[in-house]
């Protein structure tokens, strides 16, 4: 996992600009499969409250979320 990609996905989610997996893939220049892997990692390992909004067809945070990578 590349922490820079996680930070970019986090920023997109916080700004409510993530879109779907295809959108994220295009914005970050990574494969759709990688987007799924990063989102799964963020949800399971970082406990990020990420959900998919079927009506809006986009990923978002269920509630406010901050990820801190500083030591």
PDB file of N, CA and C in Angstrom:
ATOM      1  N   UNK A   1       0.832  -1.182   0.000  1.00  0.00           N
ATOM      2  CA  UNK A   1       0.000   0.000   0.000  1.00  0.00           C
ATOM      3  C   UNK A   1       0.880   1.249   0.000  1.00  0.00           C
ATOM      4  N   UNK A   2       0.536   2.168  -0.850  1.00  0.00           N
ATOM      5  CA  UNK A   2       1.259   3.439  -0.944  1.00  0.00           C
ATOM      6  C   UNK A   2       0.482   4.482  -0.135  1.00  0.00           C
ATOM      7  N   UNK A   3       1.112   4.988   0.910  1.00  0.00           N
ATOM      8  CA  UNK A   3       0.444   5.949   1.795  1.00  0.00           C
ATOM      9  C   UNK A   3      -0.011   7.193   1.030  1.00  0.00           C
ATOM     10  N   UNK A   4       0.709   7.561  -0.016  1.00  0.00           N
ATOM     11  CA  UNK A   4       0.321   8.739  -0.811  1.00  0.00           C
ATOM     12  C   UNK A   4      -1.025   8.527  -1.490  1.00  0.00           C
ATOM     13  N   UNK A   5      -1.286   7.317  -1.944  1.00  0.00           N
ATOM     14  CA  UNK A   5      -2.573   7.006  -2.573  1.00  0.00           C
ATOM     15  C   UNK A   5      -3.676   7.022  -1.522  1.00  0.00           C
ATOM     16  N   UNK A   6      -3.396   6.469  -0.352  1.00  0.00           N
ATOM     17  CA  UNK A   6      -4.382   6.482   0.732  1.00  0.00           C
ATOM     18  C   UNK A   6      -4.742   7.917   1.093  1.00  0.00           C
ATOM     19  N   UNK A   7      -3.760   8.779   1.191  1.00  0.00           N
ATOM     20  CA  UNK A   7      -4.008  10.188   1.516  1.00  0.00           C
ATOM     21  C   UNK A   7      -4.854  10.849   0.434  1.00  0.00           C
ATOM     22  N   UNK A   8      -4.574  10.573  -0.825  1.00  0.00           N
ATOM     23  CA  UNK A   8      -5.358  11.163  -1.922  1.00  0.00           C
ATOM     24  C   UNK A   8      -6.799  10.673  -1.899  1.00  0.00           C
ATOM     25  N   UNK A   9      -6.996   9.381  -1.663  1.00  0.00           N
ATOM     26  CA  UNK A   9      -8.366   8.856  -1.567  1.00  0.00           C
ATOM     27  C   UNK A   9      -9.075   9.494  -0.390  1.00  0.00           C
ATOM     28  N   UNK A  10      -8.388   9.602   0.734  1.00  0.00           N
ATOM     29  CA  UNK A  10      -8.962  10.240   1.924  1.00  0.00           C
ATOM     30  C   UNK A  10      -9.387  11.680   1.613  1.00  0.00           C
ATOM     31  N   UNK A  11      -8.541  12.423   0.931  1.00  0.00           N
ATOM     32  CA  UNK A  11      -8.875  13.811   0.583  1.00  0.00           C
ATOM     33  C   UNK A  11     -10.085  13.875  -0.344  1.00  0.00           C
ATOM     34  N   UNK A  12     -10.167  12.970  -1.308  1.00  0.00           N
ATOM     35  CA  UNK A  12     -11.334  12.933  -2.203  1.00  0.00           C
ATOM     36  C   UNK A  12     -12.602  12.618  -1.423  1.00  0.00           C
ATOM     37  N   UNK A  13     -12.511  11.657  -0.513  1.00  0.00           N
ATOM     38  CA  UNK A  13     -13.680  11.294   0.294  1.00  0.00           C
ATOM     39  C   UNK A  13     -14.113  12.445   1.193  1.00  0.00           C
ATOM     40  N   UNK A  14     -13.146  13.110   1.834  1.00  0.00           N
ATOM     41  CA  UNK A  14     -13.473  14.239   2.708  1.00  0.00           C
ATOM     42  C   UNK A  14     -14.151  15.369   1.947  1.00  0.00           C
ATOM     43  N   UNK A  15     -13.712  15.601   0.717  1.00  0.00           N
ATOM     44  CA  UNK A  15     -14.270  16.683  -0.097  1.00  0.00           C
ATOM     45  C   UNK A  15     -15.545  16.253  -0.823  1.00  0.00           C
ATOM     46  N   UNK A  16     -15.946  14.999  -0.605  1.00  0.00           N
ATOM     47  CA  UNK A  16     -17.128  14.439  -1.269  1.00  0.00           C
ATOM     48  C   UNK A  16     -16.990  14.507  -2.793  1.00  0.00           C
ATOM     49  N   UNK A  17     -15.762  14.233  -3.286  1.00  0.00           N
ATOM     50  CA  UNK A  17     -15.475  14.298  -4.713  1.00  0.00           C
ATOM     51  C   UNK A  17     -14.899  12.989  -5.245  1.00  0.00           C
ATOM     52  N   UNK A  18     -15.070  11.906  -4.491  1.00  0.00           N
ATOM     53  CA  UNK A  18     -14.439  10.643  -4.884  1.00  0.00           C
ATOM     54  C   UNK A  18     -15.072  10.037  -6.128  1.00  0.00           C
ATOM     55  N   UNK A  19     -16.381   9.984  -6.172  1.00  0.00           N
ATOM     56  CA  UNK A  19     -17.049   9.316  -7.280  1.00  0.00           C
ATOM     57  C   UNK A  19     -17.013   7.806  -7.079  1.00  0.00           C
ATOM     58  N   UNK A  20     -17.148   7.061  -8.173  1.00  0.00           N
ATOM     59  CA  UNK A  20     -17.122   5.603  -8.087  1.00  0.00           C
ATOM     60  C   UNK A  20     -15.701   5.099  -8.338  1.00  0.00           C
ATOM     61  N   UNK A  21     -15.530   3.795  -8.390  1.00  0.00           N
ATOM     62  CA  UNK A  21     -14.184   3.238  -8.564  1.00  0.00           C
ATOM     63  C   UNK A  21     -13.543   3.672  -9.872  1.00  0.00           C
ATOM     64  N   UNK A  22     -14.332   3.774 -10.928  1.00  0.00           N
ATOM     65  CA  UNK A  22     -13.784   4.237 -12.212  1.00  0.00           C
ATOM     66  C   UNK A  22     -13.298   5.677 -12.106  1.00  0.00           C
ATOM     67  N   UNK A  23     -14.081   6.521 -11.438  1.00  0.00           N
ATOM     68  CA  UNK A  23     -13.698   7.927 -11.262  1.00  0.00           C
ATOM     69  C   UNK A  23     -12.399   8.046 -10.467  1.00  0.00           C
ATOM     70  N   UNK A  24     -12.324   7.311  -9.366  1.00  0.00           N
ATOM     71  CA  UNK A  24     -11.124   7.360  -8.524  1.00  0.00           C
ATOM     72  C   UNK A  24      -9.926   6.852  -9.308  1.00  0.00           C
ATOM     73  N   UNK A  25     -10.129   5.789 -10.055  1.00  0.00           N
ATOM     74  CA  UNK A  25      -9.064   5.220 -10.877  1.00  0.00           C
ATOM     75  C   UNK A  25      -8.492   6.247 -11.840  1.00  0.00           C
ATOM     76  N   UNK A  26      -9.365   6.961 -12.512  1.00  0.00           N
ATOM     77  CA  UNK A  26      -8.926   7.983 -13.470  1.00  0.00           C
ATOM     78  C   UNK A  26      -8.238   9.156 -12.772  1.00  0.00           C
ATOM     79  N   UNK A  27      -8.781   9.589 -11.641  1.00  0.00           N
ATOM     80  CA  UNK A  27      -8.212  10.729 -10.918  1.00  0.00           C
ATOM     81  C   UNK A  27      -6.817  10.432 -10.374  1.00  0.00           C
ATOM     82  N   UNK A  28      -6.590   9.179  -9.982  1.00  0.00           N
ATOM     83  CA  UNK A  28      -5.316   8.833  -9.340  1.00  0.00           C
ATOM     84  C   UNK A  28      -4.358   8.085 -10.258  1.00  0.00           C
ATOM     85  N   UNK A  29      -4.836   7.691 -11.422  1.00  0.00           N
ATOM     86  CA  UNK A  29      -3.966   6.981 -12.360  1.00  0.00           C
ATOM     87  C   UNK A  29      -3.596   5.578 -11.902  1.00  0.00           C
ATOM     88  N   UNK A  30      -4.541   4.916 -11.236  1.00  0.00           N
ATOM     89  CA  UNK A  30      -4.332   3.536 -10.801  1.00  0.00           C
ATOM     90  C   UNK A  30      -5.475   2.682 -11.347  1.00  0.00           C
ATOM     91  N   UNK A  31      -5.330   1.388 -11.269  1.00  0.00           N
ATOM     92  CA  UNK A  31      -6.353   0.491 -11.805  1.00  0.00           C
ATOM     93  C   UNK A  31      -7.584   0.463 -10.893  1.00  0.00           C
ATOM     94  N   UNK A  32      -8.703   0.064 -11.467  1.00  0.00           N
ATOM     95  CA  UNK A  32      -9.941  -0.076 -10.692  1.00  0.00           C
ATOM     96  C   UNK A  32      -9.731  -1.116  -9.594  1.00  0.00           C
ATOM     97  N   UNK A  33      -9.044  -2.215  -9.905  1.00  0.00           N
ATOM     98  CA  UNK A  33      -8.765  -3.250  -8.906  1.00  0.00           C
ATOM     99  C   UNK A  33      -7.960  -2.664  -7.745  1.00  0.00           C
ATOM    100  N   UNK A  34      -7.001  -1.806  -8.044  1.00  0.00           N
ATOM    101  CA  UNK A  34      -6.221  -1.159  -6.981  1.00  0.00           C
ATOM    102  C   UNK A  34      -7.112  -0.281  -6.115  1.00  0.00           C
ATOM    103  N   UNK A  35      -8.056   0.428  -6.729  1.00  0.00           N
ATOM    104  CA  UNK A  35      -8.985   1.260  -5.948  1.00  0.00           C
ATOM    105  C   UNK A  35      -9.752   0.381  -4.963  1.00  0.00           C
ATOM    106  N   UNK A  36     -10.283  -0.746  -5.435  1.00  0.00           N
ATOM    107  CA  UNK A  36     -10.986  -1.668  -4.541  1.00  0.00           C
ATOM    108  C   UNK A  36     -10.070  -2.125  -3.408  1.00  0.00           C
ATOM    109  N   UNK A  37      -8.832  -2.457  -3.734  1.00  0.00           N
ATOM    110  CA  UNK A  37      -7.889  -2.923  -2.715  1.00  0.00           C
ATOM    111  C   UNK A  37      -7.602  -1.838  -1.679  1.00  0.00           C
ATOM    112  N   UNK A  38      -7.408  -0.598  -2.135  1.00  0.00           N
ATOM    113  CA  UNK A  38      -7.142   0.501  -1.205  1.00  0.00           C
ATOM    114  C   UNK A  38      -8.347   0.769  -0.307  1.00  0.00           C
ATOM    115  N   UNK A  39      -9.531   0.784  -0.891  1.00  0.00           N
ATOM    116  CA  UNK A  39     -10.733   1.045  -0.089  1.00  0.00           C
ATOM    117  C   UNK A  39     -10.940  -0.063   0.940  1.00  0.00           C
ATOM    118  N   UNK A  40     -10.735  -1.295   0.526  1.00  0.00           N
ATOM    119  CA  UNK A  40     -10.852  -2.418   1.460  1.00  0.00           C
ATOM    120  C   UNK A  40      -9.831  -2.292   2.583  1.00  0.00           C
ATOM    121  N   UNK A  41      -8.597  -1.959   2.242  1.00  0.00           N
ATOM    122  CA  UNK A  41      -7.556  -1.765   3.251  1.00  0.00           C
ATOM    123  C   UNK A  41      -7.934  -0.644   4.217  1.00  0.00           C
ATOM    124  N   UNK A  42      -8.392   0.468   3.675  1.00  0.00           N
ATOM    125  CA  UNK A  42      -8.761   1.602   4.518  1.00  0.00           C
ATOM    126  C   UNK A  42      -9.895   1.230   5.466  1.00  0.00           C
ATOM    127  N   UNK A  43     -10.867   0.462   4.977  1.00  0.00           N
ATOM    128  CA  UNK A  43     -11.996   0.064   5.812  1.00  0.00           C
ATOM    129  C   UNK A  43     -11.590  -0.942   6.882  1.00  0.00           C
ATOM    130  N   UNK A  44     -10.789  -1.929   6.518  1.00  0.00           N
ATOM    131  CA  UNK A  44     -10.484  -3.006   7.462  1.00  0.00           C
ATOM    132  C   UNK A  44      -9.311  -2.688   8.381  1.00  0.00           C
ATOM    133  N   UNK A  45      -8.248  -2.116   7.845  1.00  0.00           N
ATOM    134  CA  UNK A  45      -7.046  -1.889   8.635  1.00  0.00           C
ATOM    135  C   UNK A  45      -7.005  -0.526   9.312  1.00  0.00           C
ATOM    136  N   UNK A  46      -7.614   0.472   8.689  1.00  0.00           N
ATOM    137  CA  UNK A  46      -7.599   1.822   9.250  1.00  0.00           C
ATOM    138  C   UNK A  46      -8.932   2.201   9.887  1.00  0.00           C
ATOM    139  N   UNK A  47      -9.911   1.289   9.798  1.00  0.00           N
ATOM    140  CA  UNK A  47     -11.251   1.516  10.340  1.00  0.00           C
ATOM    141  C   UNK A  47     -11.908   2.781   9.799  1.00  0.00           C
ATOM    142  N   UNK A  48     -11.629   3.092   8.552  1.00  0.00           N
ATOM    143  CA  UNK A  48     -12.237   4.263   7.918  1.00  0.00           C
ATOM    144  C   UNK A  48     -13.696   3.947   7.612  1.00  0.00           C
ATOM    145  N   UNK A  49     -14.611   4.843   7.975  1.00  0.00           N
ATOM    146  CA  UNK A  49     -16.044   4.589   7.786  1.00  0.00           C
ATOM    147  C   UNK A  49     -16.496   4.874   6.343  1.00  0.00           C
ATOM    148  N   UNK A  50     -15.933   4.147   5.397  1.00  0.00           N
ATOM    149  CA  UNK A  50     -16.242   4.362   3.979  1.00  0.00           C
ATOM    150  C   UNK A  50     -17.459   3.535   3.598  1.00  0.00           C
ATOM    151  N   UNK A  51     -18.340   4.155   2.860  1.00  0.00           N
ATOM    152  CA  UNK A  51     -19.524   3.466   2.357  1.00  0.00           C
ATOM    153  C   UNK A  51     -19.738   3.853   0.900  1.00  0.00           C
ATOM    154  N   UNK A  52     -20.535   3.056   0.210  1.00  0.00           N
ATOM    155  CA  UNK A  52     -20.883   3.386  -1.172  1.00  0.00           C
ATOM    156  C   UNK A  52     -22.325   3.858  -1.194  1.00  0.00           C
ATOM    157  N   UNK A  53     -22.538   5.043  -1.725  1.00  0.00           N
ATOM    158  CA  UNK A  53     -23.873   5.617  -1.846  1.00  0.00           C
ATOM    159  C   UNK A  53     -24.433   5.187  -3.205  1.00  0.00           C
ATOM    160  N   UNK A  54     -25.341   4.224  -3.194  1.00  0.00           N
ATOM    161  CA  UNK A  54     -25.890   3.689  -4.447  1.00  0.00           C
ATOM    162  C   UNK A  54     -26.718   4.732  -5.194  1.00  0.00           C
ATOM    163  N   UNK A  55     -27.395   5.583  -4.469  1.00  0.00           N
ATOM    164  CA  UNK A  55     -28.207   6.617  -5.104  1.00  0.00           C
ATOM    165  C   UNK A  55     -27.326   7.647  -5.813  1.00  0.00           C
ATOM    166  N   UNK A  56     -26.271   8.094  -5.140  1.00  0.00           N
ATOM    167  CA  UNK A  56     -25.369   9.077  -5.722  1.00  0.00           C
ATOM    168  C   UNK A  56     -24.259   8.455  -6.549  1.00  0.00           C
ATOM    169  N   UNK A  57     -24.147   7.119  -6.473  1.00  0.00           N
ATOM    170  CA  UNK A  57     -23.125   6.361  -7.198  1.00  0.00           C
ATOM    171  C   UNK A  57     -21.715   6.868  -6.904  1.00  0.00           C
ATOM    172  N   UNK A  58     -21.439   6.999  -5.593  1.00  0.00           N
ATOM    173  CA  UNK A  58     -20.109   7.457  -5.195  1.00  0.00           C
ATOM    174  C   UNK A  58     -19.738   6.919  -3.821  1.00  0.00           C
ATOM    175  N   UNK A  59     -18.428   6.877  -3.587  1.00  0.00           N
ATOM    176  CA  UNK A  59     -17.926   6.511  -2.271  1.00  0.00           C
ATOM    177  C   UNK A  59     -17.892   7.759  -1.407  1.00  0.00           C
ATOM    178  N   UNK A  60     -18.145   7.562  -0.117  1.00  0.00           N
ATOM    179  CA  UNK A  60     -18.129   8.684   0.816  1.00  0.00           C
ATOM    180  C   UNK A  60     -17.878   8.152   2.221  1.00  0.00           C
ATOM    181  N   UNK A  61     -17.650   9.066   3.139  1.00  0.00           N
ATOM    182  CA  UNK A  61     -17.537   8.699   4.546  1.00  0.00           C
ATOM    183  C   UNK A  61     -18.921   8.719   5.164  1.00  0.00           C
ATOM    184  N   UNK A  62     -19.212   7.717   6.006  1.00  0.00           N
ATOM    185  CA  UNK A  62     -20.495   7.666   6.718  1.00  0.00           C
ATOM    186  C   UNK A  62     -20.604   8.798   7.726  1.00  0.00           C
ATOM    187  N   UNK A  63     -19.457   9.167   8.264  1.00  0.00           N
ATOM    188  CA  UNK A  63     -19.381  10.249   9.256  1.00  0.00           C
ATOM    189  C   UNK A  63     -18.024  10.916   9.086  1.00  0.00           C
ATOM    190  N   UNK A  64     -17.821  12.005   9.770  1.00  0.00           N
ATOM    191  CA  UNK A  64     -16.548  12.709   9.663  1.00  0.00           C
ATOM    192  C   UNK A  64     -15.401  11.783  10.052  1.00  0.00           C
ATOM    193  N   UNK A  65     -14.333  11.893   9.308  1.00  0.00           N
ATOM    194  CA  UNK A  65     -13.211  10.981   9.525  1.00  0.00           C
ATOM    195  C   UNK A  65     -11.898  11.717   9.322  1.00  0.00           C
ATOM    196  N   UNK A  66     -10.964  11.468  10.220  1.00  0.00           N
ATOM    197  CA  UNK A  66      -9.610  11.996  10.078  1.00  0.00           C
ATOM    198  C   UNK A  66      -8.643  10.833  10.189  1.00  0.00           C
ATOM    199  N   UNK A  67      -7.728  10.775   9.263  1.00  0.00           N
ATOM    200  CA  UNK A  67      -6.659   9.785   9.315  1.00  0.00           C
ATOM    201  C   UNK A  67      -5.370  10.528   9.638  1.00  0.00           C
ATOM    202  N   UNK A  68      -4.647  10.048  10.629  1.00  0.00           N
ATOM    203  CA  UNK A  68      -3.424  10.711  11.064  1.00  0.00           C
ATOM    204  C   UNK A  68      -2.245   9.779  10.834  1.00  0.00           C
ATOM    205  N   UNK A  69      -1.320  10.199   9.985  1.00  0.00           N
ATOM    206  CA  UNK A  69      -0.157   9.381   9.666  1.00  0.00           C
ATOM    207  C   UNK A  69       1.119   9.962  10.257  1.00  0.00           C
ATOM    208  N   UNK A  70       0.981  10.944  11.091  1.00  0.00           N
ATOM    209  CA  UNK A  70       2.161  11.555  11.706  1.00  0.00           C
ATOM    210  C   UNK A  70       2.527  10.789  12.960  1.00  0.00           C
ATOM    211  N   UNK A  71       3.821  10.709  13.229  1.00  0.00           N
ATOM    212  CA  UNK A  71       4.315   9.949  14.375  1.00  0.00           C
ATOM    213  C   UNK A  71       4.182  10.595  15.687  1.00  0.00           C
TER     214      UNK A  71
END
